[in-house]
Every structure is written in C-alpha cells, then in structure tokens.
Amino acid sequence: MKVTKHLIIRGRVHDVGFREMFQSEADRNGVTGWVRNRKDGTVEAMLHGWPDPVAKVVSWARRGPPAAAVQSIEIDDAADRFDAFQQRPTE
C-alpha cells in the first residue's frame, strides 16, 4: 500500500538548491508529490509512493545537498495522493 508523508525541514535549506535536488531525488525514486520554500525559512514537502522509495527520499532530506545544513525534520502521515512531482511557489 502506498504512503503519503508531509515533511517540514528546518535549517539552512533555502538558496542551496534544496528544492531542485529534492525533486531529482523524488523523480529518481519514483515518488510523487511536491516541495516548496516557506517564508519562515523552512522547506515543506509532500511525498507519495511505495514505502521503501519514500523512505529513501526522506533519508536524503535528512542530509540535503552538500551546501545545506539540515537541523531537524518533522514528518507526519497524510492522506493526499499525487500523480507527479512538482516544485510549488513559496508560501
């Protein structure tokens, strides 16, 4: 059964290519959903897919790209489903 996870990522995650690389990681693992910067300096994402690929993307998000400094990540279950992965505008 597919799962959906809602993530809030805190740390130095803006302006370091986080969203672009997050989308690449999701695409590479066949995970759908979205990612966006938030005005409070966090990155928010929704991931939908099979448990193992979603876990791989979450694992990547705990580190981020080389220029990032992830301090914490909040993960909650969600019920949404997505057909593709996209970057959304800052909210």
C-alpha atoms as a PDB file:
ATOM      1  CA  MET A   1       0.000   0.000   0.000  1.00  0.00           C
ATOM      2  CA  LYS A   2       1.331   3.430  -0.924  1.00  0.00           C
ATOM      3  CA  VAL A   3       2.035   6.019   1.774  1.00  0.00           C
ATOM      4  CA  THR A   4       1.991   9.809   1.912  1.00  0.00           C
ATOM      5  CA  LYS A   5       4.291  11.821   4.167  1.00  0.00           C
ATOM      6  CA  HIS A   6       4.235  15.546   4.980  1.00  0.00           C
ATOM      7  CA  LEU A   7       7.681  16.988   5.782  1.00  0.00           C
ATOM      8  CA  ILE A   8       8.832  20.264   7.303  1.00  0.00           C
ATOM      9  CA  ILE A   9      12.608  20.654   7.012  1.00  0.00           C
ATOM     10  CA  ARG A  10      14.459  23.211   9.137  1.00  0.00           C
ATOM     11  CA  GLY A  11      17.984  24.542   8.860  1.00  0.00           C
ATOM     12  CA  ARG A  12      19.954  26.189   6.062  1.00  0.00           C
ATOM     13  CA  VAL A  13      17.706  24.842   3.318  1.00  0.00           C
ATOM     14  CA  HIS A  14      16.897  27.934   1.198  1.00  0.00           C
ATOM     15  CA  ASP A  15      19.117  29.082  -1.671  1.00  0.00           C
ATOM     16  CA  VAL A  16      21.239  25.922  -1.651  1.00  0.00           C
ATOM     17  CA  GLY A  17      19.484  24.024  -4.459  1.00  0.00           C
ATOM     18  CA  PHE A  18      17.454  22.040  -1.932  1.00  0.00           C
ATOM     19  CA  ARG A  19      14.165  22.054  -3.870  1.00  0.00           C
ATOM     20  CA  GLU A  20      15.767  21.182  -7.200  1.00  0.00           C
ATOM     21  CA  MET A  21      17.761  18.316  -5.745  1.00  0.00           C
ATOM     22  CA  PHE A  22      14.765  17.175  -3.673  1.00  0.00           C
ATOM     23  CA  GLN A  23      12.729  16.900  -6.864  1.00  0.00           C
ATOM     24  CA  SER A  24      15.553  14.995  -8.588  1.00  0.00           C
ATOM     25  CA  GLU A  25      15.723  12.546  -5.673  1.00  0.00           C
ATOM     26  CA  ALA A  26      11.948  12.049  -5.722  1.00  0.00           C
ATOM     27  CA  ASP A  27      11.945  11.528  -9.504  1.00  0.00           C
ATOM     28  CA  ARG A  28      14.860   9.073  -9.265  1.00  0.00           C
ATOM     29  CA  ASN A  29      12.881   7.017  -6.730  1.00  0.00           C
ATOM     30  CA  GLY A  30       9.503   7.197  -8.494  1.00  0.00           C
ATOM     31  CA  VAL A  31       7.938   9.269  -5.710  1.00  0.00           C
ATOM     32  CA  THR A  32       5.248  11.868  -6.456  1.00  0.00           C
ATOM     33  CA  GLY A  33       4.197  14.976  -4.532  1.00  0.00           C
ATOM     34  CA  TRP A  34       5.600  18.482  -4.223  1.00  0.00           C
ATOM     35  CA  VAL A  35       8.201  20.662  -2.500  1.00  0.00           C
ATOM     36  CA  ARG A  36       8.275  24.396  -1.733  1.00  0.00           C
ATOM     37  CA  ASN A  37      10.119  27.012   0.279  1.00  0.00           C
ATOM     38  CA  ARG A  38       8.173  28.666   3.069  1.00  0.00           C
ATOM     39  CA  LYS A  39       8.515  32.281   4.131  1.00  0.00           C
ATOM     40  CA  ASP A  40       9.615  31.181   7.606  1.00  0.00           C
ATOM     41  CA  GLY A  41      12.824  29.698   6.129  1.00  0.00           C
ATOM     42  CA  THR A  42      11.716  26.062   6.164  1.00  0.00           C
ATOM     43  CA  VAL A  43      11.110  23.732   3.236  1.00  0.00           C
ATOM     44  CA  GLU A  44       7.797  21.876   3.083  1.00  0.00           C
ATOM     45  CA  ALA A  45       7.177  18.730   1.050  1.00  0.00           C
ATOM     46  CA  MET A  46       4.592  16.039   0.437  1.00  0.00           C
ATOM     47  CA  LEU A  47       5.770  12.618  -0.711  1.00  0.00           C
ATOM     48  CA  HIS A  48       3.548   9.851  -2.105  1.00  0.00           C
ATOM     49  CA  GLY A  49       4.636   6.399  -3.174  1.00  0.00           C
ATOM     50  CA  TRP A  50       5.660   2.928  -2.058  1.00  0.00           C
ATOM     51  CA  PRO A  51       7.160   2.843   1.465  1.00  0.00           C
ATOM     52  CA  ASP A  52      10.774   1.999   0.532  1.00  0.00           C
ATOM     53  CA  PRO A  53      11.208   4.711  -2.128  1.00  0.00           C
ATOM     54  CA  VAL A  54       9.512   7.290   0.136  1.00  0.00           C
ATOM     55  CA  ALA A  55      11.890   6.282   2.948  1.00  0.00           C
ATOM     56  CA  LYS A  56      14.864   6.805   0.614  1.00  0.00           C
ATOM     57  CA  VAL A  57      13.724  10.350  -0.201  1.00  0.00           C
ATOM     58  CA  VAL A  58      13.132  11.086   3.491  1.00  0.00           C
ATOM     59  CA  SER A  59      16.622   9.780   4.261  1.00  0.00           C
ATOM     60  CA  TRP A  60      18.071  12.101   1.615  1.00  0.00           C
ATOM     61  CA  ALA A  61      16.049  15.035   3.053  1.00  0.00           C
ATOM     62  CA  ARG A  62      17.694  14.494   6.447  1.00  0.00           C
ATOM     63  CA  ARG A  63      21.030  15.459   4.792  1.00  0.00           C
ATOM     64  CA  GLY A  64      20.042  17.537   1.780  1.00  0.00           C
ATOM     65  CA  PRO A  65      22.523  18.725  -0.836  1.00  0.00           C
ATOM     66  CA  PRO A  66      26.148  19.463   0.165  1.00  0.00           C
ATOM     67  CA  ALA A  67      25.529  23.193   0.799  1.00  0.00           C
ATOM     68  CA  ALA A  68      22.553  22.548   3.109  1.00  0.00           C
ATOM     69  CA  ALA A  69      22.655  22.205   6.878  1.00  0.00           C
ATOM     70  CA  VAL A  70      19.501  20.341   7.932  1.00  0.00           C
ATOM     71  CA  GLN A  71      18.817  20.901  11.633  1.00  0.00           C
ATOM     72  CA  SER A  72      15.574  18.968  12.007  1.00  0.00           C
ATOM     73  CA  ILE A  73      12.820  17.331  10.028  1.00  0.00           C
ATOM     74  CA  GLU A  74       9.213  16.894  11.095  1.00  0.00           C
ATOM     75  CA  ILE A  75       7.377  14.014   9.415  1.00  0.00           C
ATOM     76  CA  ASP A  76       3.657  13.289   9.602  1.00  0.00           C
ATOM     77  CA  ASP A  77       1.399  10.857   7.776  1.00  0.00           C
ATOM     78  CA  ALA A  78      -1.020  12.391   5.271  1.00  0.00           C
ATOM     79  CA  ALA A  79      -3.841  11.135   3.060  1.00  0.00           C
ATOM     80  CA  ASP A  80      -3.131  13.058  -0.168  1.00  0.00           C
ATOM     81  CA  ARG A  81      -2.204  11.369  -3.448  1.00  0.00           C
ATOM     82  CA  PHE A  82      -0.245  12.840  -6.358  1.00  0.00           C
ATOM     83  CA  ASP A  83       0.316  11.856  -9.989  1.00  0.00           C
ATOM     84  CA  ALA A  84       3.614  13.723 -10.500  1.00  0.00           C
ATOM     85  CA  PHE A  85       6.249  15.649  -8.556  1.00  0.00           C
ATOM     86  CA  GLN A  86       6.429  19.429  -8.773  1.00  0.00           C
ATOM     87  CA  GLN A  87       8.000  22.452  -7.177  1.00  0.00           C
ATOM     88  CA  ARG A  88       5.427  24.840  -5.784  1.00  0.00           C
ATOM     89  CA  PRO A  89       5.792  28.575  -5.173  1.00  0.00           C
ATOM     90  CA  THR A  90       6.888  29.862  -1.792  1.00  0.00           C
ATOM     91  CA  GLU A  91       4.069  30.140   0.687  1.00  0.00           C
END
